[in-house]
Every structure is written in structure tokens, then in C-alpha cells.
Amino acid sequence: MESVLNTLQLNSRTYFGVCWLKVAEIAEQSNVSKRTVQRVLKEFNDEGLVTVHSQIDIKRGGKSANVYVINCMTDSTY
């Protein structure tokens, strides 16, 4: 889980806390399987640690890479 979160953080350079990578890219950079990334992202989303926004590619049609927003942690979140 930590490696997936670190990958999201390292790839959120343009906008702090916002990352848009495909699951396959996250898996490759985290050295885990795509299924593990999917499972971890679902857990993060369910816990409120990360918000997942789907995107649609209008030019090519179909889905594009999701946008992952790392939510701020406060003392009350723990």
C-alpha cells in the first residue's frame, strides 16, 4: 500500500496531491501487479485517503486515465 501511495505522490508534481496515471503505470512504478493497485486504490478511496475521478477522452472516445487526488490528513482523520 505504501509503494502505491508513494507512486501517486511522486507523480503529483504539476498540481500538489493530484496525479493522473493509468493503473498499469502505477503498477509498474510500484513493482506490484495491476490487480494489487486496483485493490489498494479501492481501499484508499473507501477510507477517504484518495478520491478517484474518472475521465473520458472525447477525441478518441472511451475512458482515459483516472485522476487521483490525495486528500489531506488531519488529526481527526486517524
N, C-alpha and C. Protein backbone atom coordinates (compact mmCIF):
# COMPACT_ATOMS: atom_id res chain seq x y z
N MET A 1 0.82 -1.19 0.00
CA MET A 1 0.00 0.00 0.00
C MET A 1 0.86 1.26 0.00
N GLU A 2 1.94 1.19 0.73
CA GLU A 2 2.83 2.35 0.84
C GLU A 2 3.47 2.68 -0.50
N SER A 3 3.87 1.66 -1.26
CA SER A 3 4.52 1.92 -2.53
C SER A 3 3.56 2.55 -3.53
N VAL A 4 2.29 2.16 -3.49
CA VAL A 4 1.29 2.76 -4.38
C VAL A 4 1.08 4.22 -4.01
N LEU A 5 0.95 4.52 -2.73
CA LEU A 5 0.77 5.90 -2.29
C LEU A 5 2.00 6.75 -2.63
N ASN A 6 3.19 6.19 -2.47
CA ASN A 6 4.41 6.92 -2.82
C ASN A 6 4.46 7.21 -4.31
N THR A 7 4.02 6.26 -5.13
CA THR A 7 4.00 6.47 -6.58
C THR A 7 3.05 7.59 -6.94
N LEU A 8 1.87 7.62 -6.31
CA LEU A 8 0.93 8.71 -6.57
C LEU A 8 1.53 10.05 -6.16
N GLN A 9 2.18 10.07 -5.02
CA GLN A 9 2.78 11.31 -4.53
C GLN A 9 3.90 11.79 -5.45
N LEU A 10 4.76 10.88 -5.86
CA LEU A 10 5.89 11.26 -6.71
C LEU A 10 5.46 11.76 -8.09
N ASN A 11 4.28 11.34 -8.53
CA ASN A 11 3.79 11.75 -9.84
C ASN A 11 2.78 12.88 -9.76
N SER A 12 2.72 13.56 -8.63
CA SER A 12 1.80 14.69 -8.48
C SER A 12 2.59 16.00 -8.44
N ARG A 13 3.46 16.19 -9.39
CA ARG A 13 4.34 17.35 -9.39
C ARG A 13 3.67 18.59 -10.00
N THR A 14 2.84 18.43 -11.02
CA THR A 14 2.22 19.58 -11.66
C THR A 14 1.27 20.28 -10.70
N TYR A 15 0.39 19.51 -10.09
CA TYR A 15 -0.55 20.01 -9.09
C TYR A 15 -0.34 19.18 -7.84
N PHE A 16 0.00 19.81 -6.73
CA PHE A 16 0.30 19.11 -5.49
C PHE A 16 -0.87 18.23 -5.07
N GLY A 17 -0.61 16.93 -4.91
CA GLY A 17 -1.62 16.00 -4.44
C GLY A 17 -2.55 15.47 -5.51
N VAL A 18 -2.31 15.82 -6.78
CA VAL A 18 -3.16 15.36 -7.88
C VAL A 18 -2.30 14.60 -8.88
N CYS A 19 -2.73 13.39 -9.20
CA CYS A 19 -1.96 12.53 -10.09
C CYS A 19 -2.89 11.89 -11.10
N TRP A 20 -2.46 11.77 -12.34
CA TRP A 20 -3.25 11.05 -13.33
C TRP A 20 -2.34 10.09 -14.07
N LEU A 21 -2.41 8.85 -13.65
CA LEU A 21 -1.68 7.75 -14.26
C LEU A 21 -2.64 6.60 -14.50
N LYS A 22 -2.31 5.77 -15.46
CA LYS A 22 -3.08 4.55 -15.66
C LYS A 22 -2.66 3.53 -14.62
N VAL A 23 -3.55 2.59 -14.33
CA VAL A 23 -3.28 1.56 -13.34
C VAL A 23 -2.01 0.80 -13.70
N ALA A 24 -1.83 0.52 -14.98
CA ALA A 24 -0.64 -0.22 -15.42
C ALA A 24 0.65 0.56 -15.11
N GLU A 25 0.61 1.88 -15.27
CA GLU A 25 1.79 2.70 -14.96
C GLU A 25 2.07 2.73 -13.46
N ILE A 26 1.02 2.82 -12.66
CA ILE A 26 1.19 2.81 -11.21
C ILE A 26 1.78 1.47 -10.78
N ALA A 27 1.26 0.38 -11.36
CA ALA A 27 1.75 -0.96 -11.01
C ALA A 27 3.22 -1.11 -11.38
N GLU A 28 3.60 -0.64 -12.55
CA GLU A 28 4.99 -0.76 -13.00
C GLU A 28 5.93 0.03 -12.08
N GLN A 29 5.55 1.26 -11.75
CA GLN A 29 6.41 2.10 -10.91
C GLN A 29 6.44 1.62 -9.46
N SER A 30 5.37 0.94 -9.01
CA SER A 30 5.29 0.46 -7.63
C SER A 30 5.83 -0.96 -7.48
N ASN A 31 6.11 -1.62 -8.60
CA ASN A 31 6.58 -3.01 -8.60
C ASN A 31 5.57 -3.96 -7.98
N VAL A 32 4.29 -3.76 -8.31
CA VAL A 32 3.22 -4.66 -7.88
C VAL A 32 2.34 -4.94 -9.09
N SER A 33 1.39 -5.87 -8.94
CA SER A 33 0.51 -6.21 -10.05
C SER A 33 -0.59 -5.15 -10.22
N LYS A 34 -1.21 -5.14 -11.41
CA LYS A 34 -2.29 -4.21 -11.67
C LYS A 34 -3.47 -4.47 -10.72
N ARG A 35 -3.73 -5.74 -10.45
CA ARG A 35 -4.83 -6.09 -9.55
C ARG A 35 -4.57 -5.56 -8.14
N THR A 36 -3.33 -5.61 -7.69
CA THR A 36 -2.98 -5.07 -6.37
C THR A 36 -3.23 -3.57 -6.33
N VAL A 37 -2.85 -2.88 -7.39
CA VAL A 37 -3.08 -1.44 -7.47
C VAL A 37 -4.58 -1.14 -7.41
N GLN A 38 -5.37 -1.90 -8.16
CA GLN A 38 -6.82 -1.69 -8.14
C GLN A 38 -7.38 -1.89 -6.74
N ARG A 39 -6.94 -2.93 -6.07
CA ARG A 39 -7.42 -3.24 -4.73
C ARG A 39 -7.01 -2.14 -3.74
N VAL A 40 -5.76 -1.70 -3.81
CA VAL A 40 -5.26 -0.67 -2.90
C VAL A 40 -5.98 0.66 -3.15
N LEU A 41 -6.17 1.03 -4.42
CA LEU A 41 -6.87 2.28 -4.73
C LEU A 41 -8.31 2.24 -4.23
N LYS A 42 -8.95 1.09 -4.31
CA LYS A 42 -10.32 0.96 -3.80
C LYS A 42 -10.33 1.15 -2.28
N GLU A 43 -9.36 0.54 -1.59
CA GLU A 43 -9.26 0.71 -0.14
C GLU A 43 -9.00 2.18 0.22
N PHE A 44 -8.08 2.82 -0.50
CA PHE A 44 -7.79 4.23 -0.25
C PHE A 44 -9.05 5.08 -0.45
N ASN A 45 -9.78 4.79 -1.51
CA ASN A 45 -10.99 5.55 -1.82
C ASN A 45 -12.05 5.32 -0.73
N ASP A 46 -12.21 4.08 -0.30
CA ASP A 46 -13.19 3.76 0.74
C ASP A 46 -12.85 4.42 2.06
N GLU A 47 -11.56 4.54 2.37
CA GLU A 47 -11.10 5.15 3.62
C GLU A 47 -11.04 6.68 3.54
N GLY A 48 -11.20 7.23 2.35
CA GLY A 48 -11.17 8.68 2.18
C GLY A 48 -9.77 9.25 2.04
N LEU A 49 -8.77 8.39 1.89
CA LEU A 49 -7.40 8.85 1.74
C LEU A 49 -7.15 9.41 0.34
N VAL A 50 -7.79 8.81 -0.66
CA VAL A 50 -7.65 9.23 -2.05
C VAL A 50 -9.05 9.32 -2.67
N THR A 51 -9.28 10.36 -3.46
CA THR A 51 -10.52 10.49 -4.21
C THR A 51 -10.21 10.18 -5.67
N VAL A 52 -11.01 9.31 -6.28
CA VAL A 52 -10.80 8.89 -7.66
C VAL A 52 -11.84 9.56 -8.55
N HIS A 53 -11.37 10.23 -9.61
CA HIS A 53 -12.25 10.87 -10.58
C HIS A 53 -12.01 10.22 -11.94
N SER A 54 -13.05 9.71 -12.55
CA SER A 54 -12.94 9.10 -13.88
C SER A 54 -12.91 10.19 -14.94
N GLN A 55 -12.22 9.91 -16.05
CA GLN A 55 -12.15 10.83 -17.17
C GLN A 55 -12.57 10.12 -18.45
N ILE A 56 -13.10 10.88 -19.38
CA ILE A 56 -13.46 10.34 -20.69
C ILE A 56 -12.69 11.12 -21.75
N ASP A 57 -12.06 10.40 -22.67
CA ASP A 57 -11.32 11.02 -23.76
C ASP A 57 -12.32 11.31 -24.88
N ILE A 58 -12.64 12.58 -25.08
CA ILE A 58 -13.66 12.96 -26.05
C ILE A 58 -13.19 12.72 -27.48
N LYS A 59 -11.92 12.99 -27.77
CA LYS A 59 -11.41 12.85 -29.13
C LYS A 59 -11.39 11.40 -29.59
N ARG A 60 -10.85 10.51 -28.73
CA ARG A 60 -10.74 9.10 -29.12
C ARG A 60 -11.93 8.28 -28.65
N GLY A 61 -12.68 8.81 -27.73
CA GLY A 61 -13.81 8.07 -27.17
C GLY A 61 -13.32 7.06 -26.14
N GLY A 62 -14.14 6.73 -25.20
CA GLY A 62 -13.76 5.77 -24.18
C GLY A 62 -13.13 6.42 -22.98
N LYS A 63 -12.69 5.56 -22.06
CA LYS A 63 -12.11 6.05 -20.81
C LYS A 63 -10.66 6.47 -20.99
N SER A 64 -10.26 7.40 -20.15
CA SER A 64 -8.89 7.86 -20.10
C SER A 64 -8.37 7.54 -18.70
N ALA A 65 -7.13 7.93 -18.41
CA ALA A 65 -6.56 7.68 -17.09
C ALA A 65 -7.38 8.41 -16.02
N ASN A 66 -7.58 7.78 -14.89
CA ASN A 66 -8.29 8.40 -13.78
C ASN A 66 -7.43 9.50 -13.17
N VAL A 67 -8.07 10.40 -12.46
CA VAL A 67 -7.37 11.43 -11.69
C VAL A 67 -7.49 11.03 -10.23
N TYR A 68 -6.35 10.97 -9.55
CA TYR A 68 -6.30 10.59 -8.14
C TYR A 68 -5.91 11.81 -7.33
N VAL A 69 -6.75 12.19 -6.37
CA VAL A 69 -6.50 13.33 -5.51
C VAL A 69 -6.19 12.79 -4.12
N ILE A 70 -4.99 13.09 -3.64
CA ILE A 70 -4.59 12.67 -2.30
C ILE A 70 -5.17 13.67 -1.32
N ASN A 71 -6.08 13.20 -0.47
CA ASN A 71 -6.76 14.06 0.48
C ASN A 71 -5.85 14.37 1.67
N CYS A 72 -5.99 15.55 2.22
CA CYS A 72 -5.19 15.96 3.38
C CYS A 72 -5.61 15.16 4.59
N MET A 73 -4.63 14.78 5.39
CA MET A 73 -4.88 14.05 6.63
C MET A 73 -4.81 15.04 7.78
N THR A 74 -5.77 14.94 8.69
CA THR A 74 -5.76 15.75 9.89
C THR A 74 -5.79 14.83 11.10
N ASP A 75 -5.62 15.38 12.27
CA ASP A 75 -5.67 14.58 13.49
C ASP A 75 -6.99 13.86 13.66
N SER A 76 -8.09 14.50 13.22
CA SER A 76 -9.40 13.89 13.38
C SER A 76 -9.63 12.75 12.39
N THR A 77 -8.78 12.64 11.36
CA THR A 77 -8.92 11.58 10.36
C THR A 77 -8.48 10.24 10.92
N TYR A 78 -7.57 10.23 11.88
CA TYR A 78 -7.00 9.00 12.40
C TYR A 78 -7.98 8.25 13.22
